[in-house]
Amino acid sequence: MARRAPGPDFRWQPGVLCGKGVRIMDEEAAFLNDWQQHLGEALAEIGRWHMPFGKYGPQHYPPKGVPLYDLPEEYVIWFQHNGFPKGRIGQLLRIICEIRMAGAEAVFEPLRKAAGGRYPMRPKRPRTYEFGGDDLPLK
């Protein structure tokens, strides 16, 4: 029997079995259902947290990793497709994903402004330059 994708009127229900047959934790489901009510405190937490692991963690972006609100959208969507981490970090990443999917990226601007702007993702360019050796002809 082939499985069909949910229709446009599909709504996620807390405590319902997810695709793999695992019951979603009731506390987490309740928080995610009414995350709009907790948006202020969630944004304050998002402003304090940095990515603790992975491609944007402290191993690649020392000393703390990339702030959660500056993670690339593709990375957050990857978590949405492959599963968010467990715990509070997963909840915050879900909230970030929902905010970005709704097109409300502007709510992160005060956090960026307080931190001094976007987190630089490109490696820093060298400030010194070396020009050839002594074999350059001088006229």
N, C-alpha and C. Protein backbone atom coordinates (compact mmCIF):
# COMPACT_ATOMS: atom_id res chain seq x y z
N MET A 1 0.84 -1.18 0.00
CA MET A 1 0.00 0.00 0.00
C MET A 1 0.88 1.24 0.00
N ALA A 2 0.72 2.11 -0.96
CA ALA A 2 1.54 3.31 -1.09
C ALA A 2 1.08 4.38 -0.10
N ARG A 3 2.06 5.09 0.45
CA ARG A 3 1.74 6.18 1.38
C ARG A 3 1.56 7.45 0.59
N ARG A 4 0.59 8.25 0.99
CA ARG A 4 0.33 9.52 0.31
C ARG A 4 0.81 10.67 1.16
N ALA A 5 1.25 11.72 0.51
CA ALA A 5 1.67 12.93 1.23
C ALA A 5 0.45 13.60 1.83
N PRO A 6 0.62 14.27 2.98
CA PRO A 6 -0.52 14.95 3.59
C PRO A 6 -1.02 16.07 2.70
N GLY A 7 -2.31 16.29 2.73
CA GLY A 7 -2.93 17.33 1.92
C GLY A 7 -2.72 18.72 2.49
N PRO A 8 -3.24 19.74 1.84
CA PRO A 8 -3.03 21.12 2.29
C PRO A 8 -3.70 21.43 3.63
N ASP A 9 -4.70 20.64 4.01
CA ASP A 9 -5.37 20.90 5.28
C ASP A 9 -4.75 20.12 6.44
N PHE A 10 -3.59 19.45 6.19
CA PHE A 10 -2.94 18.67 7.23
C PHE A 10 -2.38 19.58 8.32
N ARG A 11 -2.64 19.26 9.57
CA ARG A 11 -2.09 19.99 10.72
C ARG A 11 -1.43 18.99 11.65
N TRP A 12 -0.26 19.35 12.14
CA TRP A 12 0.45 18.51 13.07
C TRP A 12 -0.25 18.55 14.42
N GLN A 13 -0.46 17.40 15.03
CA GLN A 13 -1.14 17.30 16.32
C GLN A 13 -0.16 16.82 17.37
N PRO A 14 -0.12 17.45 18.56
CA PRO A 14 0.80 17.00 19.60
C PRO A 14 0.40 15.62 20.11
N GLY A 15 1.42 14.82 20.40
CA GLY A 15 1.18 13.50 20.95
C GLY A 15 0.78 12.46 19.93
N VAL A 16 0.74 12.81 18.65
CA VAL A 16 0.38 11.88 17.60
C VAL A 16 1.63 11.13 17.18
N LEU A 17 1.47 9.92 16.72
CA LEU A 17 2.62 9.16 16.27
C LEU A 17 3.20 9.81 15.03
N CYS A 18 4.52 9.98 15.03
CA CYS A 18 5.16 10.54 13.84
C CYS A 18 5.47 9.42 12.86
N GLY A 19 6.10 9.74 11.74
CA GLY A 19 6.30 8.81 10.64
C GLY A 19 6.98 7.51 11.03
N LYS A 20 7.88 7.51 11.99
CA LYS A 20 8.60 6.29 12.35
C LYS A 20 7.92 5.53 13.47
N GLY A 21 6.72 5.99 13.90
CA GLY A 21 6.01 5.29 14.95
C GLY A 21 6.50 5.61 16.34
N VAL A 22 7.20 6.72 16.51
CA VAL A 22 7.71 7.13 17.81
C VAL A 22 6.81 8.22 18.36
N ARG A 23 6.37 8.09 19.60
CA ARG A 23 5.51 9.10 20.20
C ARG A 23 6.35 10.33 20.55
N ILE A 24 5.90 11.48 20.10
CA ILE A 24 6.59 12.74 20.36
C ILE A 24 6.37 13.12 21.82
N MET A 25 7.40 13.62 22.46
CA MET A 25 7.30 13.99 23.86
C MET A 25 6.24 15.07 24.03
N ASP A 26 5.36 14.90 25.02
CA ASP A 26 4.25 15.82 25.23
C ASP A 26 4.72 17.22 25.59
N GLU A 27 5.78 17.36 26.41
CA GLU A 27 6.26 18.69 26.78
C GLU A 27 6.78 19.44 25.57
N GLU A 28 7.56 18.75 24.75
CA GLU A 28 8.11 19.37 23.56
C GLU A 28 7.00 19.75 22.59
N ALA A 29 6.04 18.85 22.42
CA ALA A 29 4.93 19.12 21.51
C ALA A 29 4.11 20.30 21.99
N ALA A 30 3.87 20.38 23.28
CA ALA A 30 3.10 21.50 23.82
C ALA A 30 3.85 22.81 23.61
N PHE A 31 5.17 22.79 23.82
CA PHE A 31 5.95 24.01 23.62
C PHE A 31 5.91 24.45 22.16
N LEU A 32 6.06 23.49 21.26
CA LEU A 32 6.09 23.85 19.84
C LEU A 32 4.72 24.31 19.34
N ASN A 33 3.65 23.79 19.92
CA ASN A 33 2.32 24.21 19.51
C ASN A 33 2.06 25.67 19.85
N ASP A 34 2.51 26.10 21.01
CA ASP A 34 2.25 27.48 21.39
C ASP A 34 3.53 28.30 21.45
N TRP A 35 4.45 28.08 20.53
CA TRP A 35 5.71 28.80 20.54
C TRP A 35 5.52 30.27 20.27
N GLN A 36 4.42 30.64 19.61
CA GLN A 36 4.17 32.06 19.38
C GLN A 36 3.97 32.79 20.70
N GLN A 37 3.36 32.13 21.69
CA GLN A 37 3.15 32.76 22.99
C GLN A 37 4.48 32.93 23.74
N HIS A 38 5.43 32.09 23.48
CA HIS A 38 6.73 32.13 24.15
C HIS A 38 7.80 32.76 23.26
N LEU A 39 7.39 33.50 22.25
CA LEU A 39 8.35 34.01 21.27
C LEU A 39 9.39 34.93 21.90
N GLY A 40 8.99 35.80 22.82
CA GLY A 40 9.94 36.72 23.44
C GLY A 40 11.04 36.00 24.19
N GLU A 41 10.66 35.04 25.02
CA GLU A 41 11.68 34.30 25.77
C GLU A 41 12.49 33.40 24.85
N ALA A 42 11.88 32.87 23.81
CA ALA A 42 12.61 32.03 22.86
C ALA A 42 13.63 32.86 22.09
N LEU A 43 13.26 34.07 21.68
CA LEU A 43 14.21 34.93 20.97
C LEU A 43 15.37 35.34 21.88
N ALA A 44 15.09 35.56 23.15
CA ALA A 44 16.17 35.88 24.09
C ALA A 44 17.15 34.71 24.19
N GLU A 45 16.62 33.49 24.24
CA GLU A 45 17.49 32.31 24.29
C GLU A 45 18.25 32.13 22.98
N ILE A 46 17.56 32.33 21.86
CA ILE A 46 18.21 32.19 20.56
C ILE A 46 19.37 33.18 20.46
N GLY A 47 19.19 34.37 21.02
CA GLY A 47 20.26 35.37 21.00
C GLY A 47 21.48 34.97 21.81
N ARG A 48 21.32 34.13 22.81
CA ARG A 48 22.43 33.71 23.66
C ARG A 48 23.12 32.44 23.18
N TRP A 49 22.44 31.60 22.43
CA TRP A 49 22.98 30.29 22.06
C TRP A 49 23.82 30.37 20.78
N HIS A 50 24.84 29.54 20.76
CA HIS A 50 25.68 29.34 19.57
C HIS A 50 25.60 27.86 19.21
N MET A 51 25.87 27.57 17.95
CA MET A 51 25.82 26.18 17.49
C MET A 51 26.91 25.38 18.20
N PRO A 52 26.54 24.36 19.00
CA PRO A 52 27.54 23.65 19.80
C PRO A 52 28.25 22.51 19.07
N PHE A 53 27.82 22.16 17.86
CA PHE A 53 28.42 21.00 17.18
C PHE A 53 28.27 21.18 15.67
N GLY A 54 28.90 20.30 14.93
CA GLY A 54 28.71 20.23 13.49
C GLY A 54 29.52 21.24 12.69
N LYS A 55 29.08 21.44 11.48
CA LYS A 55 29.78 22.28 10.51
C LYS A 55 29.95 23.72 10.99
N TYR A 56 29.01 24.21 11.77
CA TYR A 56 29.06 25.59 12.25
C TYR A 56 29.34 25.67 13.75
N GLY A 57 29.91 24.61 14.30
CA GLY A 57 30.24 24.55 15.71
C GLY A 57 31.58 25.19 16.02
N PRO A 58 32.01 25.12 17.29
CA PRO A 58 33.26 25.77 17.70
C PRO A 58 34.51 25.17 17.07
N GLN A 59 34.46 23.95 16.56
CA GLN A 59 35.63 23.36 15.92
C GLN A 59 36.00 24.14 14.65
N HIS A 60 34.98 24.62 13.94
CA HIS A 60 35.22 25.31 12.67
C HIS A 60 35.10 26.83 12.80
N TYR A 61 34.37 27.31 13.80
CA TYR A 61 34.18 28.74 14.03
C TYR A 61 34.44 29.04 15.51
N PRO A 62 35.72 29.06 15.90
CA PRO A 62 36.03 29.30 17.30
C PRO A 62 35.71 30.74 17.70
N PRO A 63 35.52 31.06 18.94
CA PRO A 63 35.61 30.19 20.10
C PRO A 63 34.30 29.50 20.44
N LYS A 64 33.13 30.03 20.01
CA LYS A 64 31.85 29.47 20.46
C LYS A 64 31.05 28.80 19.37
N GLY A 65 31.35 29.04 18.12
CA GLY A 65 30.51 28.58 17.02
C GLY A 65 29.65 29.73 16.51
N VAL A 66 28.87 29.47 15.51
CA VAL A 66 28.01 30.49 14.90
C VAL A 66 26.76 30.68 15.75
N PRO A 67 26.33 31.93 15.97
CA PRO A 67 25.06 32.14 16.68
C PRO A 67 23.92 31.47 15.92
N LEU A 68 22.94 30.94 16.66
CA LEU A 68 21.84 30.21 16.03
C LEU A 68 21.10 31.05 15.01
N TYR A 69 20.90 32.33 15.28
CA TYR A 69 20.13 33.16 14.36
C TYR A 69 20.88 33.46 13.07
N ASP A 70 22.19 33.21 13.02
CA ASP A 70 22.97 33.45 11.81
C ASP A 70 23.29 32.16 11.04
N LEU A 71 22.74 31.04 11.45
CA LEU A 71 22.96 29.80 10.69
C LEU A 71 22.34 29.95 9.31
N PRO A 72 23.00 29.42 8.27
CA PRO A 72 22.41 29.50 6.94
C PRO A 72 21.07 28.77 6.87
N GLU A 73 20.18 29.30 6.07
CA GLU A 73 18.83 28.73 5.95
C GLU A 73 18.88 27.28 5.46
N GLU A 74 19.80 26.97 4.56
CA GLU A 74 19.92 25.62 4.04
C GLU A 74 20.25 24.62 5.14
N TYR A 75 21.07 25.05 6.09
CA TYR A 75 21.47 24.19 7.20
C TYR A 75 20.28 23.91 8.11
N VAL A 76 19.47 24.92 8.39
CA VAL A 76 18.30 24.75 9.24
C VAL A 76 17.27 23.86 8.55
N ILE A 77 17.11 24.04 7.24
CA ILE A 77 16.17 23.21 6.49
C ILE A 77 16.67 21.77 6.44
N TRP A 78 17.98 21.58 6.39
CA TRP A 78 18.53 20.22 6.44
C TRP A 78 18.09 19.52 7.72
N PHE A 79 18.14 20.23 8.84
CA PHE A 79 17.67 19.65 10.10
C PHE A 79 16.19 19.33 10.03
N GLN A 80 15.42 20.18 9.37
CA GLN A 80 13.98 19.93 9.26
C GLN A 80 13.72 18.63 8.52
N HIS A 81 14.48 18.36 7.47
CA HIS A 81 14.28 17.15 6.69
C HIS A 81 14.86 15.91 7.37
N ASN A 82 15.98 16.06 8.06
CA ASN A 82 16.67 14.90 8.63
C ASN A 82 16.44 14.71 10.12
N GLY A 83 15.74 15.61 10.74
CA GLY A 83 15.44 15.50 12.17
C GLY A 83 16.25 16.48 13.00
N PHE A 84 15.55 17.20 13.85
CA PHE A 84 16.20 18.16 14.74
C PHE A 84 16.85 17.41 15.89
N PRO A 85 17.90 18.00 16.48
CA PRO A 85 18.51 17.36 17.65
C PRO A 85 17.53 17.33 18.82
N LYS A 86 17.79 16.47 19.77
CA LYS A 86 16.93 16.40 20.95
C LYS A 86 17.28 17.53 21.91
N GLY A 87 16.34 17.87 22.74
CA GLY A 87 16.59 18.85 23.78
C GLY A 87 16.25 20.27 23.34
N ARG A 88 16.73 21.20 24.13
CA ARG A 88 16.40 22.62 23.91
C ARG A 88 16.97 23.14 22.59
N ILE A 89 18.15 22.68 22.20
CA ILE A 89 18.74 23.14 20.94
C ILE A 89 17.83 22.78 19.77
N GLY A 90 17.23 21.60 19.80
CA GLY A 90 16.30 21.19 18.75
C GLY A 90 15.06 22.05 18.72
N GLN A 91 14.53 22.40 19.90
CA GLN A 91 13.37 23.28 19.97
C GLN A 91 13.68 24.65 19.38
N LEU A 92 14.84 25.19 19.74
CA LEU A 92 15.20 26.52 19.23
C LEU A 92 15.43 26.49 17.72
N LEU A 93 16.04 25.42 17.21
CA LEU A 93 16.23 25.31 15.76
C LEU A 93 14.89 25.18 15.03
N ARG A 94 13.93 24.51 15.64
CA ARG A 94 12.59 24.42 15.04
C ARG A 94 11.93 25.79 14.98
N ILE A 95 12.08 26.55 16.05
CA ILE A 95 11.50 27.89 16.07
C ILE A 95 12.15 28.76 15.00
N ILE A 96 13.47 28.67 14.88
CA ILE A 96 14.17 29.44 13.84
C ILE A 96 13.67 29.03 12.46
N CYS A 97 13.49 27.74 12.25
CA CYS A 97 13.00 27.24 10.97
C CYS A 97 11.60 27.79 10.68
N GLU A 98 10.71 27.76 11.66
CA GLU A 98 9.36 28.29 11.48
C GLU A 98 9.38 29.78 11.16
N ILE A 99 10.21 30.53 11.87
CA ILE A 99 10.31 31.97 11.63
C ILE A 99 10.80 32.24 10.22
N ARG A 100 11.80 31.52 9.79
CA ARG A 100 12.33 31.74 8.44
C ARG A 100 11.36 31.31 7.36
N MET A 101 10.64 30.21 7.60
CA MET A 101 9.65 29.75 6.61
C MET A 101 8.51 30.75 6.49
N ALA A 102 8.21 31.46 7.58
CA ALA A 102 7.15 32.47 7.55
C ALA A 102 7.64 33.78 6.94
N GLY A 103 8.94 33.89 6.67
CA GLY A 103 9.49 35.09 6.07
C GLY A 103 9.68 36.22 7.07
N ALA A 104 9.82 35.88 8.34
CA ALA A 104 9.95 36.90 9.38
C ALA A 104 11.39 37.01 9.89
N GLU A 105 12.34 36.94 8.99
CA GLU A 105 13.76 37.01 9.32
C GLU A 105 14.11 38.31 10.06
N ALA A 106 13.31 39.35 9.90
CA ALA A 106 13.60 40.65 10.51
C ALA A 106 13.59 40.60 12.03
N VAL A 107 12.97 39.60 12.65
CA VAL A 107 12.96 39.53 14.11
C VAL A 107 14.36 39.26 14.66
N PHE A 108 15.28 38.78 13.82
CA PHE A 108 16.64 38.53 14.27
C PHE A 108 17.53 39.76 14.19
N GLU A 109 17.09 40.82 13.52
CA GLU A 109 17.92 42.01 13.34
C GLU A 109 18.34 42.66 14.66
N PRO A 110 17.44 42.81 15.65
CA PRO A 110 17.92 43.38 16.92
C PRO A 110 18.99 42.53 17.60
N LEU A 111 18.90 41.21 17.43
CA LEU A 111 19.93 40.33 18.00
C LEU A 111 21.26 40.55 17.29
N ARG A 112 21.20 40.66 15.97
CA ARG A 112 22.44 40.90 15.20
C ARG A 112 23.03 42.26 15.55
N LYS A 113 22.18 43.26 15.66
CA LYS A 113 22.65 44.61 15.97
C LYS A 113 23.35 44.63 17.33
N ALA A 114 22.77 43.94 18.31
CA ALA A 114 23.37 43.89 19.64
C ALA A 114 24.71 43.16 19.63
N ALA A 115 24.87 42.21 18.71
CA ALA A 115 26.12 41.44 18.62
C ALA A 115 27.14 42.10 17.71
N GLY A 116 26.79 43.22 17.09
CA GLY A 116 27.73 43.91 16.21
C GLY A 116 27.63 43.52 14.76
N GLY A 117 26.52 42.97 14.32
CA GLY A 117 26.33 42.61 12.91
C GLY A 117 26.31 41.11 12.70
N ARG A 118 26.19 40.73 11.44
CA ARG A 118 26.18 39.31 11.10
C ARG A 118 27.50 38.66 11.44
N TYR A 119 27.44 37.38 11.78
CA TYR A 119 28.64 36.62 12.07
C TYR A 119 29.36 36.35 10.75
N PRO A 120 30.66 36.65 10.66
CA PRO A 120 31.38 36.42 9.39
C PRO A 120 31.57 34.94 9.11
N MET A 121 31.09 34.49 7.96
CA MET A 121 31.21 33.08 7.58
C MET A 121 32.42 32.82 6.69
N ARG A 122 32.93 33.86 6.04
CA ARG A 122 34.08 33.69 5.16
C ARG A 122 35.37 33.79 5.96
N PRO A 123 36.39 33.07 5.53
CA PRO A 123 37.67 33.20 6.22
C PRO A 123 38.24 34.61 6.02
N LYS A 124 38.96 35.09 7.02
CA LYS A 124 39.53 36.43 6.94
C LYS A 124 40.63 36.46 5.89
N ARG A 125 40.68 37.55 5.16
CA ARG A 125 41.73 37.71 4.15
C ARG A 125 43.03 38.12 4.82
N PRO A 126 44.13 37.71 4.24
CA PRO A 126 45.42 38.13 4.81
C PRO A 126 45.61 39.63 4.64
N ARG A 127 46.20 40.26 5.64
CA ARG A 127 46.44 41.71 5.59
C ARG A 127 47.83 42.04 5.04
N THR A 128 48.68 41.06 4.89
CA THR A 128 50.01 41.31 4.35
C THR A 128 50.12 40.65 2.98
N TYR A 129 50.89 41.24 2.15
CA TYR A 129 51.07 40.73 0.80
C TYR A 129 52.55 40.58 0.51
N GLU A 130 52.88 39.54 -0.24
CA GLU A 130 54.26 39.32 -0.63
C GLU A 130 54.35 39.51 -2.14
N PHE A 131 55.30 40.33 -2.55
CA PHE A 131 55.50 40.59 -3.97
C PHE A 131 56.84 40.03 -4.40
N GLY A 132 56.81 38.97 -5.17
CA GLY A 132 58.00 38.41 -5.77
C GLY A 132 59.24 38.43 -4.90
N GLY A 133 60.37 38.16 -5.50
CA GLY A 133 61.64 38.14 -4.79
C GLY A 133 62.53 39.30 -5.23
N ASP A 134 63.82 39.09 -5.07
CA ASP A 134 64.80 40.12 -5.45
C ASP A 134 65.08 40.10 -6.94
N ASP A 135 64.55 39.18 -7.68
CA ASP A 135 64.85 39.06 -9.10
C ASP A 135 64.01 39.99 -9.97
N LEU A 136 63.24 40.89 -9.38
CA LEU A 136 62.45 41.83 -10.18
C LEU A 136 63.38 42.89 -10.75
N PRO A 137 63.21 43.18 -12.04
CA PRO A 137 64.08 44.20 -12.67
C PRO A 137 63.69 45.60 -12.17
N LEU A 138 64.67 46.34 -11.74
CA LEU A 138 64.45 47.72 -11.30
C LEU A 138 65.01 48.64 -12.35
N LYS A 139 64.26 49.61 -12.77
CA LYS A 139 64.75 50.53 -13.81
C LYS A 139 64.87 51.91 -13.28
